[in-house]
Structure formats: C-alpha cells, structure tokens
C-alpha cells in the first residue's frame, strides 16, 4: 500500500509518527540511523520503506525493529527487514514465543463475525484482509532486550511491560523527547470504536482485557507529555491524564 502524503507526522526533531493502513509505526532518528517501532500490516511494507526514504533514511540504517506486540498489523514488515538487511527484531521476552508463532493470541474470525453487526467492524475486517491481516506472519529470530533499562539504540528507548493486549506487550518511553509509544496498550482511535481520544481497544482485541486495563497503571507514572499510539493520532498531554481518560471510557 502506498504512503499517503500526510502520513508522516513530525513529533519533534528526531521522532516521527507514521500512519499506515489503520496502524501506526514510529521512526526515532539519530543521524543516518534510526529505531523503528512496529512495522504495520504485511501490506504496509512499501509504505514502511517509503516513510524511511521520506526522512532520508535507508533500510540499512535501521538499527533495530522494536515490537510492541506480535499481532500481524504491527510486525508486517519486520521479518522482511530481518532477512533482507539483517535488522535485529527486539521485544519483551514474554512476546518471543508469540512472535515465533508457537501460538497466536489474536482476535479470531469467529470473534469478528460475532461483532460484525457493530458499526465499523465489517469495514475494518475487510480492510484488514486486504492489508494482509490474515496472512501468516512470524519472526524467525525474535530477540529479547539485551538488558534491563534503556536500550542502546537511537532515542535510548526504555521498554515498559504492559501485558493484557498480549502477554508480552511493551510500550517504549523515549526520555530525551518526553514521548511514550504505547502500541495497543493505549490508543486514541480505531475504526471499530466510536470514541475519540485516549482509550482501550474494544474488548475482542485483547487477550486479557482486565489485565490490559490493569496495565494502564504501568504507563501512568511515565513522565512523558506526548503519547504515540498504535492506532489514532498523537495525544499531547500528560500520560496520567491520558490514562485517566482511558479508564473513564472503559
């Protein structure tokens, strides 16, 4: 799928939020190198490469792909980057077996069909199929973070384990920029939701919704004033306020 003209949004001098086909990824730049957080649907591969090129970057310059979680709409281009350019793909240790597809913790066709009467669900499902959401996606050599704390990558991202959406879901705090990349632990919009602003995804998308709600407490103390979600636009404001709004709407 092609990259839209307005898809790349500059958040600060080093961080860009990119909107693909209903899913975001984040580019954290340091000179000619970058950290890539998530990679969209399989059908977004061309858009991922185009977003790098739009910033004057190359695939060879991607120091690592950081995975928030291993759903097909977040790891679509990760294996291509790994096998073609040798890019390491890193994630929380609890997400590694999911990325290898030892099991699949993702909304099923049966669950989607049961909710097809709800506004937005059927159009979203058809779009997901076209974008490769039902294709087999896996990471052949998923790696865990080498050590606790900040990662030695552009932006110095700090993983924050937020289980619930999947058991190994992780957000990433960028301390130099005051930005928190939340993946699907906290979003600001989704085609199947009528709510705008900070929220949890609808229940069918979570492996354990109660745990996803509880994991908001792990985000709450992060001292960031910008939230970059896996779905929806950037949110500018304290993480605590975003978490409060998400709780109120859950």
C-alpha atoms as a PDB file:
ATOM      1  CA  UNK A   1       0.000   0.000   0.000  1.00  0.00           C
ATOM      2  CA  UNK A   2       1.235   3.489  -0.878  1.00  0.00           C
ATOM      3  CA  UNK A   3       2.236   6.050   1.721  1.00  0.00           C
ATOM      4  CA  UNK A   4      -0.234   8.920   1.966  1.00  0.00           C
ATOM      5  CA  UNK A   5       1.113  12.445   1.568  1.00  0.00           C
ATOM      6  CA  UNK A   6       0.143  13.328   5.152  1.00  0.00           C
ATOM      7  CA  UNK A   7       1.189  10.004   6.676  1.00  0.00           C
ATOM      8  CA  UNK A   8       4.494  11.118   8.221  1.00  0.00           C
ATOM      9  CA  UNK A   9       3.969  13.463  11.158  1.00  0.00           C
ATOM     10  CA  UNK A  10       6.952  15.181  12.766  1.00  0.00           C
ATOM     11  CA  UNK A  11       6.603  14.980  16.551  1.00  0.00           C
ATOM     12  CA  UNK A  12       9.976  16.520  17.381  1.00  0.00           C
ATOM     13  CA  UNK A  13      13.394  16.838  15.753  1.00  0.00           C
ATOM     14  CA  UNK A  14      14.086  13.105  15.975  1.00  0.00           C
ATOM     15  CA  UNK A  15      10.710  11.346  16.245  1.00  0.00           C
ATOM     16  CA  UNK A  16       8.095  10.827  13.532  1.00  0.00           C
ATOM     17  CA  UNK A  17       4.722   9.073  13.764  1.00  0.00           C
ATOM     18  CA  UNK A  18       3.719   7.307  10.563  1.00  0.00           C
ATOM     19  CA  UNK A  19       0.150   6.262   9.740  1.00  0.00           C
ATOM     20  CA  UNK A  20      -0.165   3.152   7.601  1.00  0.00           C
ATOM     21  CA  UNK A  21      -3.318   1.209   6.816  1.00  0.00           C
ATOM     22  CA  UNK A  22      -5.096   1.673  10.166  1.00  0.00           C
ATOM     23  CA  UNK A  23      -1.885   1.090  12.145  1.00  0.00           C
ATOM     24  CA  UNK A  24       0.968   3.393  13.127  1.00  0.00           C
ATOM     25  CA  UNK A  25       4.708   2.935  13.395  1.00  0.00           C
ATOM     26  CA  UNK A  26       7.319   5.281  14.836  1.00  0.00           C
ATOM     27  CA  UNK A  27      10.722   6.294  13.482  1.00  0.00           C
ATOM     28  CA  UNK A  28      13.273   7.569  16.010  1.00  0.00           C
ATOM     29  CA  UNK A  29      16.186   9.125  14.175  1.00  0.00           C
ATOM     30  CA  UNK A  30      19.817   9.687  15.138  1.00  0.00           C
ATOM     31  CA  UNK A  31      21.769  10.954  12.136  1.00  0.00           C
ATOM     32  CA  UNK A  32      21.706   8.294   9.410  1.00  0.00           C
ATOM     33  CA  UNK A  33      20.455   5.637  11.857  1.00  0.00           C
ATOM     34  CA  UNK A  34      17.076   5.051  13.423  1.00  0.00           C
ATOM     35  CA  UNK A  35      14.996   2.842  15.656  1.00  0.00           C
ATOM     36  CA  UNK A  36      11.793   1.589  14.038  1.00  0.00           C
ATOM     37  CA  UNK A  37       8.975   0.797  16.459  1.00  0.00           C
ATOM     38  CA  UNK A  38       6.470  -1.571  14.812  1.00  0.00           C
ATOM     39  CA  UNK A  39       6.052  -2.048  11.054  1.00  0.00           C
ATOM     40  CA  UNK A  40       2.332  -2.100  10.182  1.00  0.00           C
ATOM     41  CA  UNK A  41       0.432  -4.758   8.250  1.00  0.00           C
ATOM     42  CA  UNK A  42       2.162  -7.034   5.708  1.00  0.00           C
ATOM     43  CA  UNK A  43       0.632  -4.828   3.018  1.00  0.00           C
ATOM     44  CA  UNK A  44       2.343  -1.792   4.544  1.00  0.00           C
ATOM     45  CA  UNK A  45       5.871  -2.929   3.634  1.00  0.00           C
ATOM     46  CA  UNK A  46       6.172  -0.451   0.784  1.00  0.00           C
ATOM     47  CA  UNK A  47       4.842   2.330   2.990  1.00  0.00           C
ATOM     48  CA  UNK A  48       7.379   1.488   5.706  1.00  0.00           C
ATOM     49  CA  UNK A  49      10.233   1.740   3.203  1.00  0.00           C
ATOM     50  CA  UNK A  50       8.758   4.936   1.738  1.00  0.00           C
ATOM     51  CA  UNK A  51       8.484   6.510   5.187  1.00  0.00           C
ATOM     52  CA  UNK A  52      12.169   5.855   5.809  1.00  0.00           C
ATOM     53  CA  UNK A  53      13.065   7.328   2.423  1.00  0.00           C
ATOM     54  CA  UNK A  54      10.907  10.393   3.111  1.00  0.00           C
ATOM     55  CA  UNK A  55      13.198  11.138   6.056  1.00  0.00           C
ATOM     56  CA  UNK A  56      16.377  10.491   4.089  1.00  0.00           C
ATOM     57  CA  UNK A  57      16.916   7.118   5.760  1.00  0.00           C
ATOM     58  CA  UNK A  58      17.611   3.677   4.304  1.00  0.00           C
ATOM     59  CA  UNK A  59      16.590   0.201   5.497  1.00  0.00           C
ATOM     60  CA  UNK A  60      20.258  -0.478   6.190  1.00  0.00           C
ATOM     61  CA  UNK A  61      20.164   2.405   8.652  1.00  0.00           C
ATOM     62  CA  UNK A  62      17.521   0.784  10.861  1.00  0.00           C
ATOM     63  CA  UNK A  63      19.463  -0.182  13.986  1.00  0.00           C
ATOM     64  CA  UNK A  64      16.621  -2.395  15.233  1.00  0.00           C
ATOM     65  CA  UNK A  65      12.913  -3.004  14.975  1.00  0.00           C
ATOM     66  CA  UNK A  66      11.231  -2.770  18.369  1.00  0.00           C
ATOM     67  CA  UNK A  67       7.980  -4.697  18.558  1.00  0.00           C
ATOM     68  CA  UNK A  68       5.208  -3.533  20.870  1.00  0.00           C
ATOM     69  CA  UNK A  69       3.448  -6.860  20.241  1.00  0.00           C
ATOM     70  CA  UNK A  70       3.359  -9.525  17.578  1.00  0.00           C
ATOM     71  CA  UNK A  71      -0.058  -9.001  16.010  1.00  0.00           C
ATOM     72  CA  UNK A  72       0.011  -9.106  12.223  1.00  0.00           C
ATOM     73  CA  UNK A  73      -0.792  -5.403  11.900  1.00  0.00           C
ATOM     74  CA  UNK A  74       2.331  -4.480  13.888  1.00  0.00           C
ATOM     75  CA  UNK A  75       5.006  -6.872  12.552  1.00  0.00           C
ATOM     76  CA  UNK A  76       4.090  -6.914   8.862  1.00  0.00           C
ATOM     77  CA  UNK A  77       7.500  -5.791   7.547  1.00  0.00           C
ATOM     78  CA  UNK A  78       9.694  -6.928  10.446  1.00  0.00           C
ATOM     79  CA  UNK A  79      10.693 -10.300   9.023  1.00  0.00           C
ATOM     80  CA  UNK A  80      11.456  -8.733   5.640  1.00  0.00           C
ATOM     81  CA  UNK A  81      13.820  -6.250   7.282  1.00  0.00           C
ATOM     82  CA  UNK A  82      15.413  -9.011   9.360  1.00  0.00           C
ATOM     83  CA  UNK A  83      16.040 -11.408   6.490  1.00  0.00           C
ATOM     84  CA  UNK A  84      16.936  -8.817   3.846  1.00  0.00           C
ATOM     85  CA  UNK A  85      19.023  -6.349   5.847  1.00  0.00           C
ATOM     86  CA  UNK A  86      19.936  -8.278   8.986  1.00  0.00           C
ATOM     87  CA  UNK A  87      17.902  -5.926  11.187  1.00  0.00           C
ATOM     88  CA  UNK A  88      17.510  -7.313  14.725  1.00  0.00           C
ATOM     89  CA  UNK A  89      13.901  -7.543  15.913  1.00  0.00           C
ATOM     90  CA  UNK A  90      13.584  -6.999  19.663  1.00  0.00           C
ATOM     91  CA  UNK A  91      10.689  -7.443  22.086  1.00  0.00           C
ATOM     92  CA  UNK A  92       9.781  -8.383  25.645  1.00  0.00           C
ATOM     93  CA  UNK A  93      10.747 -11.941  26.482  1.00  0.00           C
ATOM     94  CA  UNK A  94       7.097 -12.915  27.018  1.00  0.00           C
ATOM     95  CA  UNK A  95       6.309 -11.914  23.429  1.00  0.00           C
ATOM     96  CA  UNK A  96       9.043 -14.032  21.821  1.00  0.00           C
ATOM     97  CA  UNK A  97       7.037 -17.283  21.544  1.00  0.00           C
ATOM     98  CA  UNK A  98       4.091 -15.314  20.185  1.00  0.00           C
ATOM     99  CA  UNK A  99       6.326 -13.731  17.516  1.00  0.00           C
ATOM    100  CA  UNK A 100       7.661 -17.195  16.577  1.00  0.00           C
ATOM    101  CA  UNK A 101       4.017 -18.292  16.282  1.00  0.00           C
ATOM    102  CA  UNK A 102       4.350 -21.006  18.885  1.00  0.00           C
ATOM    103  CA  UNK A 103       0.787 -19.776  19.465  1.00  0.00           C
ATOM    104  CA  UNK A 104      -1.370 -16.944  18.122  1.00  0.00           C
ATOM    105  CA  UNK A 105      -3.003 -14.566  20.595  1.00  0.00           C
ATOM    106  CA  UNK A 106      -5.089 -12.511  18.206  1.00  0.00           C
ATOM    107  CA  UNK A 107      -8.780 -11.813  17.561  1.00  0.00           C
ATOM    108  CA  UNK A 108     -10.303 -14.732  15.652  1.00  0.00           C
ATOM    109  CA  UNK A 109     -12.583 -14.683  12.617  1.00  0.00           C
ATOM    110  CA  UNK A 110     -15.329 -16.132  14.825  1.00  0.00           C
ATOM    111  CA  UNK A 111     -14.998 -13.251  17.286  1.00  0.00           C
ATOM    112  CA  UNK A 112     -15.082 -10.703  14.479  1.00  0.00           C
ATOM    113  CA  UNK A 113     -18.169 -12.292  12.921  1.00  0.00           C
ATOM    114  CA  UNK A 114     -19.922 -12.225  16.282  1.00  0.00           C
ATOM    115  CA  UNK A 115     -19.343  -8.455  16.414  1.00  0.00           C
ATOM    116  CA  UNK A 116     -19.988  -7.772  12.706  1.00  0.00           C
ATOM    117  CA  UNK A 117     -23.260  -6.005  13.492  1.00  0.00           C
ATOM    118  CA  UNK A 118     -21.413  -3.242  15.344  1.00  0.00           C
ATOM    119  CA  UNK A 119     -20.648  -0.061  13.380  1.00  0.00           C
ATOM    120  CA  UNK A 120     -17.242  -0.117  11.758  1.00  0.00           C
ATOM    121  CA  UNK A 121     -16.424  -3.767  12.398  1.00  0.00           C
ATOM    122  CA  UNK A 122     -17.177  -5.168   8.938  1.00  0.00           C
ATOM    123  CA  UNK A 123     -15.392  -2.378   7.013  1.00  0.00           C
ATOM    124  CA  UNK A 124     -12.404  -2.746   9.345  1.00  0.00           C
ATOM    125  CA  UNK A 125     -12.350  -6.541   8.829  1.00  0.00           C
ATOM    126  CA  UNK A 126     -12.449  -6.208   5.037  1.00  0.00           C
ATOM    127  CA  UNK A 127      -9.661  -3.645   5.155  1.00  0.00           C
ATOM    128  CA  UNK A 128      -7.576  -5.892   7.431  1.00  0.00           C
ATOM    129  CA  UNK A 129      -7.921  -8.778   4.980  1.00  0.00           C
ATOM    130  CA  UNK A 130      -6.834  -6.583   2.058  1.00  0.00           C
ATOM    131  CA  UNK A 131      -3.844  -5.352   4.082  1.00  0.00           C
ATOM    132  CA  UNK A 132      -2.682  -8.916   4.787  1.00  0.00           C
ATOM    133  CA  UNK A 133      -4.052  -9.175   8.312  1.00  0.00           C
ATOM    134  CA  UNK A 134      -4.990 -12.829   7.887  1.00  0.00           C
ATOM    135  CA  UNK A 135      -1.666 -13.820   6.289  1.00  0.00           C
ATOM    136  CA  UNK A 136       0.758 -15.930   8.275  1.00  0.00           C
ATOM    137  CA  UNK A 137       3.257 -13.571   9.901  1.00  0.00           C
ATOM    138  CA  UNK A 138       6.080 -14.617  12.154  1.00  0.00           C
ATOM    139  CA  UNK A 139       9.567 -13.550  13.194  1.00  0.00           C
ATOM    140  CA  UNK A 140      12.152 -16.212  12.504  1.00  0.00           C
ATOM    141  CA  UNK A 141      14.644 -14.982  15.105  1.00  0.00           C
ATOM    142  CA  UNK A 142      12.858 -12.798  17.659  1.00  0.00           C
ATOM    143  CA  UNK A 143      15.229 -11.437  20.284  1.00  0.00           C
ATOM    144  CA  UNK A 144      14.703 -10.277  23.834  1.00  0.00           C
ATOM    145  CA  UNK A 145      16.027  -6.991  25.176  1.00  0.00           C
ATOM    146  CA  UNK A 146      19.732  -7.474  25.979  1.00  0.00           C
ATOM    147  CA  UNK A 147      19.493  -5.878  29.434  1.00  0.00           C
ATOM    148  CA  UNK A 148      17.008  -4.057  31.676  1.00  0.00           C
ATOM    149  CA  UNK A 149      16.623  -0.312  31.311  1.00  0.00           C
ATOM    150  CA  UNK A 150      17.310   1.949  28.308  1.00  0.00           C
ATOM    151  CA  UNK A 151      18.284   0.213  25.094  1.00  0.00           C
ATOM    152  CA  UNK A 152      21.464   1.185  23.266  1.00  0.00           C
ATOM    153  CA  UNK A 153      19.550   2.366  20.213  1.00  0.00           C
ATOM    154  CA  UNK A 154      18.614   5.735  18.697  1.00  0.00           C
ATOM    155  CA  UNK A 155      16.379   7.533  21.190  1.00  0.00           C
ATOM    156  CA  UNK A 156      17.509   5.353  24.110  1.00  0.00           C
ATOM    157  CA  UNK A 157      14.058   3.709  24.337  1.00  0.00           C
ATOM    158  CA  UNK A 158      13.013   2.308  27.700  1.00  0.00           C
ATOM    159  CA  UNK A 159      10.666  -0.726  27.470  1.00  0.00           C
ATOM    160  CA  UNK A 160       7.593  -0.730  29.722  1.00  0.00           C
ATOM    161  CA  UNK A 161       5.944  -4.156  30.027  1.00  0.00           C
ATOM    162  CA  UNK A 162       2.180  -3.728  29.649  1.00  0.00           C
ATOM    163  CA  UNK A 163       0.630  -7.210  29.464  1.00  0.00           C
ATOM    164  CA  UNK A 164      -3.004  -7.777  28.625  1.00  0.00           C
ATOM    165  CA  UNK A 165      -3.448  -6.932  24.979  1.00  0.00           C
ATOM    166  CA  UNK A 166      -0.906  -9.714  24.558  1.00  0.00           C
ATOM    167  CA  UNK A 167       1.110 -11.270  27.354  1.00  0.00           C
ATOM    168  CA  UNK A 168       4.364  -9.683  26.224  1.00  0.00           C
ATOM    169  CA  UNK A 169       3.086  -6.302  25.079  1.00  0.00           C
ATOM    170  CA  UNK A 170       5.555  -3.465  25.687  1.00  0.00           C
ATOM    171  CA  UNK A 171       5.380   0.301  25.391  1.00  0.00           C
ATOM    172  CA  UNK A 172       8.537   2.378  24.824  1.00  0.00           C
ATOM    173  CA  UNK A 173       9.479   5.582  26.613  1.00  0.00           C
ATOM    174  CA  UNK A 174      11.808   7.982  24.808  1.00  0.00           C
ATOM    175  CA  UNK A 175      13.264  10.001  27.693  1.00  0.00           C
ATOM    176  CA  UNK A 176      15.139  12.631  25.676  1.00  0.00           C
ATOM    177  CA  UNK A 177      11.965  13.513  23.786  1.00  0.00           C
ATOM    178  CA  UNK A 178       9.395  13.083  26.543  1.00  0.00           C
ATOM    179  CA  UNK A 179       7.440  10.712  24.316  1.00  0.00           C
ATOM    180  CA  UNK A 180       5.712   7.423  25.154  1.00  0.00           C
ATOM    181  CA  UNK A 181       4.994   4.958  22.333  1.00  0.00           C
ATOM    182  CA  UNK A 182       2.073   2.892  23.611  1.00  0.00           C
ATOM    183  CA  UNK A 183       1.305   0.388  20.855  1.00  0.00           C
ATOM    184  CA  UNK A 184      -2.102  -1.112  21.641  1.00  0.00           C
ATOM    185  CA  UNK A 185      -1.860  -0.707  25.414  1.00  0.00           C
ATOM    186  CA  UNK A 186      -3.459   2.731  24.921  1.00  0.00           C
ATOM    187  CA  UNK A 187      -4.839   4.073  21.641  1.00  0.00           C
ATOM    188  CA  UNK A 188      -6.587   7.280  20.575  1.00  0.00           C
ATOM    189  CA  UNK A 189      -8.890   5.935  17.837  1.00  0.00           C
ATOM    190  CA  UNK A 190      -9.835   2.790  15.950  1.00  0.00           C
ATOM    191  CA  UNK A 191     -12.215   2.111  13.040  1.00  0.00           C
ATOM    192  CA  UNK A 192     -14.334  -0.134  15.308  1.00  0.00           C
ATOM    193  CA  UNK A 193     -14.624   2.480  18.081  1.00  0.00           C
ATOM    194  CA  UNK A 194     -16.920   5.498  18.212  1.00  0.00           C
ATOM    195  CA  UNK A 195     -14.731   7.137  20.853  1.00  0.00           C
ATOM    196  CA  UNK A 196     -12.092   9.752  20.039  1.00  0.00           C
ATOM    197  CA  UNK A 197      -9.124  10.253  22.341  1.00  0.00           C
ATOM    198  CA  UNK A 198      -7.278   8.005  24.813  1.00  0.00           C
ATOM    199  CA  UNK A 199      -8.969   4.631  25.261  1.00  0.00           C
ATOM    200  CA  UNK A 200      -8.515   0.885  25.343  1.00  0.00           C
ATOM    201  CA  UNK A 201      -9.280  -1.008  22.172  1.00  0.00           C
ATOM    202  CA  UNK A 202     -12.666  -2.781  22.088  1.00  0.00           C
ATOM    203  CA  UNK A 203     -12.709  -5.936  24.186  1.00  0.00           C
ATOM    204  CA  UNK A 204     -12.459  -8.507  21.391  1.00  0.00           C
ATOM    205  CA  UNK A 205      -8.934  -7.352  20.550  1.00  0.00           C
ATOM    206  CA  UNK A 206      -7.398  -8.112  23.957  1.00  0.00           C
ATOM    207  CA  UNK A 207      -6.033 -11.440  25.084  1.00  0.00           C
ATOM    208  CA  UNK A 208      -6.958 -10.428  28.645  1.00  0.00           C
ATOM    209  CA  UNK A 209      -8.908  -7.174  28.824  1.00  0.00           C
ATOM    210  CA  UNK A 210      -8.892  -6.985  32.624  1.00  0.00           C
ATOM    211  CA  UNK A 211      -5.121  -7.244  32.611  1.00  0.00           C
ATOM    212  CA  UNK A 212      -4.878  -4.655  29.831  1.00  0.00           C
ATOM    213  CA  UNK A 213      -6.910  -2.275  31.981  1.00  0.00           C
ATOM    214  CA  UNK A 214      -4.696  -3.003  34.986  1.00  0.00           C
ATOM    215  CA  UNK A 215      -1.559  -2.387  32.912  1.00  0.00           C
ATOM    216  CA  UNK A 216      -2.539   1.249  32.469  1.00  0.00           C
ATOM    217  CA  UNK A 217      -1.030   1.646  35.937  1.00  0.00           C
ATOM    218  CA  UNK A 218       2.403   0.824  34.457  1.00  0.00           C
ATOM    219  CA  UNK A 219       2.040   3.688  31.987  1.00  0.00           C
ATOM    220  CA  UNK A 220       0.655   6.192  34.472  1.00  0.00           C
ATOM    221  CA  UNK A 221       3.957   7.232  36.132  1.00  0.00           C
ATOM    222  CA  UNK A 222       5.895   7.651  32.880  1.00  0.00           C
ATOM    223  CA  UNK A 223       6.937  11.342  32.741  1.00  0.00           C
ATOM    224  CA  UNK A 224       6.042  11.905  29.092  1.00  0.00           C
ATOM    225  CA  UNK A 225       3.881  14.677  27.649  1.00  0.00           C
ATOM    226  CA  UNK A 226       3.241  13.097  24.233  1.00  0.00           C
ATOM    227  CA  UNK A 227       1.637   9.714  23.582  1.00  0.00           C
ATOM    228  CA  UNK A 228       2.117   7.984  20.229  1.00  0.00           C
ATOM    229  CA  UNK A 229      -0.397   5.120  19.972  1.00  0.00           C
ATOM    230  CA  UNK A 230      -0.589   2.125  17.687  1.00  0.00           C
ATOM    231  CA  UNK A 231      -3.918   3.405  16.362  1.00  0.00           C
ATOM    232  CA  UNK A 232      -5.071   7.008  16.126  1.00  0.00           C
ATOM    233  CA  UNK A 233      -3.342  10.395  16.198  1.00  0.00           C
ATOM    234  CA  UNK A 234      -0.733  11.604  18.653  1.00  0.00           C
ATOM    235  CA  UNK A 235      -2.005  12.784  22.033  1.00  0.00           C
ATOM    236  CA  UNK A 236      -0.326  15.825  23.574  1.00  0.00           C
ATOM    237  CA  UNK A 237      -0.737  15.935  27.332  1.00  0.00           C
ATOM    238  CA  UNK A 238       0.443  14.021  30.359  1.00  0.00           C
ATOM    239  CA  UNK A 239       0.372  10.253  30.303  1.00  0.00           C
ATOM    240  CA  UNK A 240      -1.516  10.312  33.600  1.00  0.00           C
ATOM    241  CA  UNK A 241      -4.317  12.357  32.035  1.00  0.00           C
ATOM    242  CA  UNK A 242      -4.440  10.009  29.035  1.00  0.00           C
ATOM    243  CA  UNK A 243      -4.656   7.024  31.379  1.00  0.00           C
ATOM    244  CA  UNK A 244      -7.424   8.706  33.405  1.00  0.00           C
ATOM    245  CA  UNK A 245      -9.433   9.275  30.232  1.00  0.00           C
ATOM    246  CA  UNK A 246      -8.925   5.682  29.103  1.00  0.00           C
ATOM    247  CA  UNK A 247     -10.126   4.376  32.460  1.00  0.00           C
ATOM    248  CA  UNK A 248     -13.213   6.575  32.391  1.00  0.00           C
ATOM    249  CA  UNK A 249     -14.118   5.247  28.964  1.00  0.00           C
ATOM    250  CA  UNK A 250     -13.559   1.581  29.790  1.00  0.00           C
END
